[in-house]
Amino acid sequence: MIRAVIFDFDGVLVESVDTKTKAYASLFAGEGEEVVSKVVAYHLEHGGVSRFEKFKFIYHEILQRPLSEEKFVALCEDFSRRVVDEVVNARWVDGAREFLENKKNTYQFFVVSGTPDEELRAIIERRGMESSFVAVFGSPKTKDVLLNELMALYGFKCNELIFVGDATTDLQAAKSTGIRFIWRRISPETPPMINFEGPTVSNLTQLEDCLEKVVS
């Protein structure tokens, strides 16, 4: 029996993926178009990875420059300033708000996201969403670690949980913890996930039916 549904945040509950893509592009605009193109491509290919890891990769592998602690902190703060208000005001994924409201007595709800923990909690509070969730978990811990912590803290077995995500990192975290996964495929143009043939939804208006099929 499914007791709880775990959601990624950006691109699953809130249509905020483009906001963060634009933020990466603007942060590195001074490095030239080729660098921006590589940064955006890396970001999109690694959805769900925390910005902490992305900035380290961008500097070490794309810019091939050392990243000082001072610069790293400044990047994180600048990124947060660019995105928080827009994410707070971003529209819900179709069906997300209704699902949380209509199924609150059927399932417990959690968020596991690559967004920094403190920032994630502040966004959820500002959006008035906090009452929907038992708990919210963000980076810097990876999603597999967070999922394991969630199960330990709340006494869940992996077969009592469903993780709804939109990125390969979400799928990998679900697989590593034995939790069943539902993919929110943002658009028909989104490339298929490698080695994934499981349930897929285009938005959360379809989630209730998808869950019924998964547990039947």
C-alpha atoms as a PDB file:
ATOM      1  CA  MET A   1       0.000   0.000   0.000  1.00  0.00           C
ATOM      2  CA  ILE A   2       1.251   3.472  -0.863  1.00  0.00           C
ATOM      3  CA  ARG A   3       1.328   5.624   2.259  1.00  0.00           C
ATOM      4  CA  ALA A   4       3.191   8.679   0.977  1.00  0.00           C
ATOM      5  CA  VAL A   5       4.047  10.542  -2.216  1.00  0.00           C
ATOM      6  CA  ILE A   6       7.369  12.354  -2.487  1.00  0.00           C
ATOM      7  CA  PHE A   7       7.702  15.201  -4.978  1.00  0.00           C
ATOM      8  CA  ASP A   8      10.638  16.925  -6.530  1.00  0.00           C
ATOM      9  CA  PHE A   9       9.866  20.654  -6.590  1.00  0.00           C
ATOM     10  CA  ASP A  10      10.978  22.500  -9.738  1.00  0.00           C
ATOM     11  CA  GLY A  11       9.235  21.089 -12.787  1.00  0.00           C
ATOM     12  CA  VAL A  12       7.025  18.768 -10.732  1.00  0.00           C
ATOM     13  CA  LEU A  13       4.991  21.002  -8.440  1.00  0.00           C
ATOM     14  CA  VAL A  14       5.962  24.391  -9.885  1.00  0.00           C
ATOM     15  CA  GLU A  15       6.806  25.446 -13.452  1.00  0.00           C
ATOM     16  CA  SER A  16      10.148  26.972 -12.510  1.00  0.00           C
ATOM     17  CA  VAL A  17      12.716  25.104 -14.623  1.00  0.00           C
ATOM     18  CA  ASP A  18      13.014  27.911 -17.196  1.00  0.00           C
ATOM     19  CA  THR A  19      13.623  30.441 -14.428  1.00  0.00           C
ATOM     20  CA  LYS A  20      16.691  28.562 -13.255  1.00  0.00           C
ATOM     21  CA  THR A  21      17.943  27.963 -16.794  1.00  0.00           C
ATOM     22  CA  LYS A  22      17.832  31.722 -17.432  1.00  0.00           C
ATOM     23  CA  ALA A  23      19.657  32.357 -14.165  1.00  0.00           C
ATOM     24  CA  TYR A  24      22.565  30.102 -15.169  1.00  0.00           C
ATOM     25  CA  ALA A  25      22.739  31.804 -18.561  1.00  0.00           C
ATOM     26  CA  SER A  26      22.749  35.302 -17.064  1.00  0.00           C
ATOM     27  CA  LEU A  27      25.325  34.434 -14.388  1.00  0.00           C
ATOM     28  CA  PHE A  28      27.852  33.350 -17.025  1.00  0.00           C
ATOM     29  CA  ALA A  29      26.883  35.766 -19.809  1.00  0.00           C
ATOM     30  CA  GLY A  30      30.208  37.601 -19.433  1.00  0.00           C
ATOM     31  CA  GLU A  31      32.098  34.427 -20.376  1.00  0.00           C
ATOM     32  CA  GLY A  32      30.773  34.462 -23.942  1.00  0.00           C
ATOM     33  CA  GLU A  33      28.145  32.611 -25.935  1.00  0.00           C
ATOM     34  CA  GLU A  34      30.070  29.335 -26.210  1.00  0.00           C
ATOM     35  CA  VAL A  35      30.477  29.064 -22.449  1.00  0.00           C
ATOM     36  CA  VAL A  36      26.831  29.997 -21.847  1.00  0.00           C
ATOM     37  CA  SER A  37      25.746  27.313 -24.299  1.00  0.00           C
ATOM     38  CA  LYS A  38      27.840  24.688 -22.488  1.00  0.00           C
ATOM     39  CA  VAL A  39      26.625  25.826 -19.067  1.00  0.00           C
ATOM     40  CA  VAL A  40      22.966  25.685 -20.090  1.00  0.00           C
ATOM     41  CA  ALA A  41      23.413  22.292 -21.752  1.00  0.00           C
ATOM     42  CA  TYR A  42      25.080  20.893 -18.634  1.00  0.00           C
ATOM     43  CA  HIS A  43      22.364  22.332 -16.401  1.00  0.00           C
ATOM     44  CA  LEU A  44      19.565  20.853 -18.504  1.00  0.00           C
ATOM     45  CA  GLU A  45      21.253  17.463 -18.766  1.00  0.00           C
ATOM     46  CA  HIS A  46      21.687  17.308 -14.998  1.00  0.00           C
ATOM     47  CA  GLY A  47      18.345  18.452 -13.702  1.00  0.00           C
ATOM     48  CA  GLY A  48      17.957  17.748 -10.006  1.00  0.00           C
ATOM     49  CA  VAL A  49      21.666  18.170  -9.261  1.00  0.00           C
ATOM     50  CA  SER A  50      22.238  20.927  -6.715  1.00  0.00           C
ATOM     51  CA  ARG A  51      23.640  24.272  -7.812  1.00  0.00           C
ATOM     52  CA  PHE A  52      26.572  23.630  -5.449  1.00  0.00           C
ATOM     53  CA  GLU A  53      27.739  20.708  -7.578  1.00  0.00           C
ATOM     54  CA  LYS A  54      26.906  22.489 -10.833  1.00  0.00           C
ATOM     55  CA  PHE A  55      29.031  25.538 -10.009  1.00  0.00           C
ATOM     56  CA  LYS A  56      31.982  23.314  -9.134  1.00  0.00           C
ATOM     57  CA  PHE A  57      31.639  21.417 -12.412  1.00  0.00           C
ATOM     58  CA  ILE A  58      31.253  24.610 -14.467  1.00  0.00           C
ATOM     59  CA  TYR A  59      34.440  26.084 -13.050  1.00  0.00           C
ATOM     60  CA  HIS A  60      36.546  22.950 -13.085  1.00  0.00           C
ATOM     61  CA  GLU A  61      35.400  21.438 -16.393  1.00  0.00           C
ATOM     62  CA  ILE A  62      33.979  24.262 -18.547  1.00  0.00           C
ATOM     63  CA  LEU A  63      35.853  27.377 -17.434  1.00  0.00           C
ATOM     64  CA  GLN A  64      38.852  25.330 -16.268  1.00  0.00           C
ATOM     65  CA  ARG A  65      39.593  27.834 -13.538  1.00  0.00           C
ATOM     66  CA  PRO A  66      39.880  27.382  -9.772  1.00  0.00           C
ATOM     67  CA  LEU A  67      36.776  28.265  -7.794  1.00  0.00           C
ATOM     68  CA  SER A  68      37.616  30.021  -4.550  1.00  0.00           C
ATOM     69  CA  GLU A  69      35.351  29.651  -1.548  1.00  0.00           C
ATOM     70  CA  GLU A  70      34.623  33.387  -1.701  1.00  0.00           C
ATOM     71  CA  LYS A  71      33.574  33.177  -5.363  1.00  0.00           C
ATOM     72  CA  PHE A  72      31.547  30.041  -4.716  1.00  0.00           C
ATOM     73  CA  VAL A  73      29.573  31.713  -1.925  1.00  0.00           C
ATOM     74  CA  ALA A  74      29.027  34.811  -4.098  1.00  0.00           C
ATOM     75  CA  LEU A  75      27.735  32.692  -6.985  1.00  0.00           C
ATOM     76  CA  CYS A  76      25.286  30.865  -4.728  1.00  0.00           C
ATOM     77  CA  GLU A  77      24.003  34.115  -3.260  1.00  0.00           C
ATOM     78  CA  ASP A  78      23.694  35.775  -6.673  1.00  0.00           C
ATOM     79  CA  PHE A  79      21.837  32.785  -8.085  1.00  0.00           C
ATOM     80  CA  SER A  80      19.412  32.798  -5.166  1.00  0.00           C
ATOM     81  CA  ARG A  81      18.706  36.521  -5.633  1.00  0.00           C
ATOM     82  CA  ARG A  82      17.917  35.929  -9.297  1.00  0.00           C
ATOM     83  CA  VAL A  83      15.499  33.045  -8.815  1.00  0.00           C
ATOM     84  CA  VAL A  84      13.687  33.118  -5.485  1.00  0.00           C
ATOM     85  CA  ASP A  85      11.045  35.745  -6.225  1.00  0.00           C
ATOM     86  CA  GLU A  86      10.346  34.260  -9.644  1.00  0.00           C
ATOM     87  CA  VAL A  87       9.945  30.744  -8.227  1.00  0.00           C
ATOM     88  CA  VAL A  88       7.636  32.083  -5.531  1.00  0.00           C
ATOM     89  CA  ASN A  89       5.482  33.619  -8.273  1.00  0.00           C
ATOM     90  CA  ALA A  90       5.771  30.766 -10.797  1.00  0.00           C
ATOM     91  CA  ARG A  91       2.587  28.987 -11.773  1.00  0.00           C
ATOM     92  CA  TRP A  92       1.701  25.587 -10.411  1.00  0.00           C
ATOM     93  CA  VAL A  93       2.150  22.543 -12.598  1.00  0.00           C
ATOM     94  CA  ASP A  94      -1.328  21.727 -13.866  1.00  0.00           C
ATOM     95  CA  GLY A  95      -3.141  19.559 -11.337  1.00  0.00           C
ATOM     96  CA  ALA A  96      -0.532  19.864  -8.576  1.00  0.00           C
ATOM     97  CA  ARG A  97      -2.439  22.113  -6.210  1.00  0.00           C
ATOM     98  CA  GLU A  98      -5.652  20.137  -6.739  1.00  0.00           C
ATOM     99  CA  PHE A  99      -3.927  16.806  -6.104  1.00  0.00           C
ATOM    100  CA  LEU A 100      -2.400  18.034  -2.853  1.00  0.00           C
ATOM    101  CA  GLU A 101      -5.758  19.297  -1.671  1.00  0.00           C
ATOM    102  CA  ASN A 102      -7.918  16.392  -2.826  1.00  0.00           C
ATOM    103  CA  LYS A 103      -5.605  13.610  -1.640  1.00  0.00           C
ATOM    104  CA  LYS A 104      -4.378  15.058   1.663  1.00  0.00           C
ATOM    105  CA  ASN A 105      -6.384  12.469   3.612  1.00  0.00           C
ATOM    106  CA  THR A 106      -5.180   9.600   1.419  1.00  0.00           C
ATOM    107  CA  TYR A 107      -1.412  10.115   1.351  1.00  0.00           C
ATOM    108  CA  GLN A 108       1.275  11.910   3.299  1.00  0.00           C
ATOM    109  CA  PHE A 109       3.243  14.357   1.147  1.00  0.00           C
ATOM    110  CA  PHE A 110       6.952  15.221   1.178  1.00  0.00           C
ATOM    111  CA  VAL A 111       9.309  17.293  -0.977  1.00  0.00           C
ATOM    112  CA  VAL A 112      12.841  16.150  -1.852  1.00  0.00           C
ATOM    113  CA  SER A 113      14.622  18.723  -4.006  1.00  0.00           C
ATOM    114  CA  GLY A 114      18.039  19.837  -5.214  1.00  0.00           C
ATOM    115  CA  THR A 115      17.220  23.389  -4.112  1.00  0.00           C
ATOM    116  CA  PRO A 116      19.143  24.430  -0.973  1.00  0.00           C
ATOM    117  CA  ASP A 117      17.191  23.386   2.091  1.00  0.00           C
ATOM    118  CA  GLU A 118      16.723  26.801   3.691  1.00  0.00           C
ATOM    119  CA  GLU A 119      15.796  28.455   0.389  1.00  0.00           C
ATOM    120  CA  LEU A 120      13.340  25.682  -0.450  1.00  0.00           C
ATOM    121  CA  ARG A 121      11.561  26.038   2.884  1.00  0.00           C
ATOM    122  CA  ALA A 122      11.330  29.819   2.455  1.00  0.00           C
ATOM    123  CA  ILE A 123       9.863  29.468  -1.060  1.00  0.00           C
ATOM    124  CA  ILE A 124       7.294  26.916   0.076  1.00  0.00           C
ATOM    125  CA  GLU A 125       6.307  29.124   3.005  1.00  0.00           C
ATOM    126  CA  ARG A 126       5.983  32.229   0.815  1.00  0.00           C
ATOM    127  CA  ARG A 127       3.815  30.286  -1.623  1.00  0.00           C
ATOM    128  CA  GLY A 128       1.556  29.158   1.242  1.00  0.00           C
ATOM    129  CA  MET A 129       2.288  25.491   0.540  1.00  0.00           C
ATOM    130  CA  GLU A 130       3.842  24.449   3.854  1.00  0.00           C
ATOM    131  CA  SER A 131       0.664  22.955   5.301  1.00  0.00           C
ATOM    132  CA  SER A 132       0.534  20.420   2.451  1.00  0.00           C
ATOM    133  CA  PHE A 133       3.748  18.643   3.439  1.00  0.00           C
ATOM    134  CA  VAL A 134       4.819  16.565   6.390  1.00  0.00           C
ATOM    135  CA  ALA A 135       8.425  17.596   5.720  1.00  0.00           C
ATOM    136  CA  VAL A 136      10.629  19.244   3.115  1.00  0.00           C
ATOM    137  CA  PHE A 137      14.195  18.148   2.295  1.00  0.00           C
ATOM    138  CA  GLY A 138      16.716  20.103   0.189  1.00  0.00           C
ATOM    139  CA  SER A 139      20.403  20.117  -0.729  1.00  0.00           C
ATOM    140  CA  PRO A 140      23.348  20.024  -0.113  1.00  0.00           C
ATOM    141  CA  LYS A 141      22.644  16.355   0.644  1.00  0.00           C
ATOM    142  CA  THR A 142      21.971  14.287  -2.465  1.00  0.00           C
ATOM    143  CA  LYS A 143      18.500  12.950  -3.132  1.00  0.00           C
ATOM    144  CA  ASP A 144      19.362   9.324  -2.436  1.00  0.00           C
ATOM    145  CA  VAL A 145      20.687  10.328   0.987  1.00  0.00           C
ATOM    146  CA  LEU A 146      17.589  12.445   1.627  1.00  0.00           C
ATOM    147  CA  LEU A 147      15.248   9.618   0.623  1.00  0.00           C
ATOM    148  CA  ASN A 148      17.010   7.221   2.968  1.00  0.00           C
ATOM    149  CA  GLU A 149      16.815   9.769   5.781  1.00  0.00           C
ATOM    150  CA  LEU A 150      13.109  10.282   5.110  1.00  0.00           C
ATOM    151  CA  MET A 151      12.424   6.564   5.342  1.00  0.00           C
ATOM    152  CA  ALA A 152      14.420   6.267   8.562  1.00  0.00           C
ATOM    153  CA  LEU A 153      12.825   9.307  10.190  1.00  0.00           C
ATOM    154  CA  TYR A 154       9.223   8.423   9.356  1.00  0.00           C
ATOM    155  CA  GLY A 155       9.377   4.640   9.443  1.00  0.00           C
ATOM    156  CA  PHE A 156       8.485   3.995   5.803  1.00  0.00           C
ATOM    157  CA  LYS A 157       9.412   0.946   3.777  1.00  0.00           C
ATOM    158  CA  CYS A 158      10.451   1.648   0.203  1.00  0.00           C
ATOM    159  CA  ASN A 159       7.374  -0.099  -1.220  1.00  0.00           C
ATOM    160  CA  GLU A 160       5.129   2.317   0.688  1.00  0.00           C
ATOM    161  CA  LEU A 161       6.474   5.320  -1.229  1.00  0.00           C
ATOM    162  CA  ILE A 162       6.240   6.859  -4.690  1.00  0.00           C
ATOM    163  CA  PHE A 163       8.707   9.494  -5.907  1.00  0.00           C
ATOM    164  CA  VAL A 164       7.494  11.880  -8.619  1.00  0.00           C
ATOM    165  CA  GLY A 165      10.368  13.582 -10.435  1.00  0.00           C
ATOM    166  CA  ASP A 166      11.328  15.139 -13.732  1.00  0.00           C
ATOM    167  CA  ALA A 167      15.063  14.404 -13.961  1.00  0.00           C
ATOM    168  CA  THR A 168      17.431  11.491 -14.354  1.00  0.00           C
ATOM    169  CA  THR A 169      18.867  12.222 -10.918  1.00  0.00           C
ATOM    170  CA  ASP A 170      15.386  11.712  -9.457  1.00  0.00           C
ATOM    171  CA  LEU A 171      15.116   8.336 -11.186  1.00  0.00           C
ATOM    172  CA  GLN A 172      18.581   7.304 -10.020  1.00  0.00           C
ATOM    173  CA  ALA A 173      17.781   8.259  -6.426  1.00  0.00           C
ATOM    174  CA  ALA A 174      14.537   6.279  -6.568  1.00  0.00           C
ATOM    175  CA  LYS A 175      16.299   3.226  -8.001  1.00  0.00           C
ATOM    176  CA  SER A 176      19.086   3.334  -5.423  1.00  0.00           C
ATOM    177  CA  THR A 177      16.562   3.376  -2.563  1.00  0.00           C
ATOM    178  CA  GLY A 178      14.067   0.918  -4.069  1.00  0.00           C
ATOM    179  CA  ILE A 179      11.291   3.502  -4.282  1.00  0.00           C
ATOM    180  CA  ARG A 180       8.931   3.367  -7.250  1.00  0.00           C
ATOM    181  CA  PHE A 181       9.181   6.310  -9.631  1.00  0.00           C
ATOM    182  CA  ILE A 182       6.784   8.334 -11.761  1.00  0.00           C
ATOM    183  CA  TRP A 183       8.299  10.604 -14.383  1.00  0.00           C
ATOM    184  CA  ARG A 184       6.790  14.005 -15.041  1.00  0.00           C
ATOM    185  CA  ARG A 185       7.801  14.492 -18.673  1.00  0.00           C
ATOM    186  CA  ILE A 186       7.560  18.239 -19.133  1.00  0.00           C
ATOM    187  CA  SER A 187       6.925  18.178 -22.881  1.00  0.00           C
ATOM    188  CA  PRO A 188       6.809  15.700 -25.789  1.00  0.00           C
ATOM    189  CA  GLU A 189      10.153  17.164 -26.909  1.00  0.00           C
ATOM    190  CA  THR A 190      11.830  16.107 -23.658  1.00  0.00           C
ATOM    191  CA  PRO A 191      14.229  13.253 -24.560  1.00  0.00           C
ATOM    192  CA  PRO A 192      13.202   9.888 -23.084  1.00  0.00           C
ATOM    193  CA  MET A 193      15.004   8.728 -19.981  1.00  0.00           C
ATOM    194  CA  ILE A 194      17.537   6.015 -20.700  1.00  0.00           C
ATOM    195  CA  ASN A 195      16.524   2.616 -19.309  1.00  0.00           C
ATOM    196  CA  PHE A 196      13.189   3.885 -18.016  1.00  0.00           C
ATOM    197  CA  GLU A 197       9.938   2.339 -19.161  1.00  0.00           C
ATOM    198  CA  GLY A 198       7.877   3.139 -16.096  1.00  0.00           C
ATOM    199  CA  PRO A 199       4.815   5.334 -15.608  1.00  0.00           C
ATOM    200  CA  THR A 200       4.876   8.820 -17.094  1.00  0.00           C
ATOM    201  CA  VAL A 201       2.640  11.863 -16.709  1.00  0.00           C
ATOM    202  CA  SER A 202       2.726  15.134 -18.621  1.00  0.00           C
ATOM    203  CA  ASN A 203       1.215  17.020 -15.688  1.00  0.00           C
ATOM    204  CA  LEU A 204      -0.302  16.203 -12.321  1.00  0.00           C
ATOM    205  CA  THR A 205      -3.898  16.103 -13.519  1.00  0.00           C
ATOM    206  CA  GLN A 206      -2.920  12.554 -14.540  1.00  0.00           C
ATOM    207  CA  LEU A 207      -1.247  11.591 -11.277  1.00  0.00           C
ATOM    208  CA  GLU A 208      -4.238  10.055  -9.513  1.00  0.00           C
ATOM    209  CA  ASP A 209      -4.950   7.660 -12.385  1.00  0.00           C
ATOM    210  CA  CYS A 210      -1.248   6.876 -12.691  1.00  0.00           C
ATOM    211  CA  LEU A 211      -0.987   6.025  -9.003  1.00  0.00           C
ATOM    212  CA  GLU A 212      -3.967   3.711  -9.222  1.00  0.00           C
ATOM    213  CA  LYS A 213      -2.260   1.806 -12.032  1.00  0.00           C
ATOM    214  CA  VAL A 214       1.024   1.616 -10.146  1.00  0.00           C
ATOM    215  CA  VAL A 215      -0.524   0.137  -7.003  1.00  0.00           C
ATOM    216  CA  SER A 216      -3.039  -2.148  -8.710  1.00  0.00           C
END
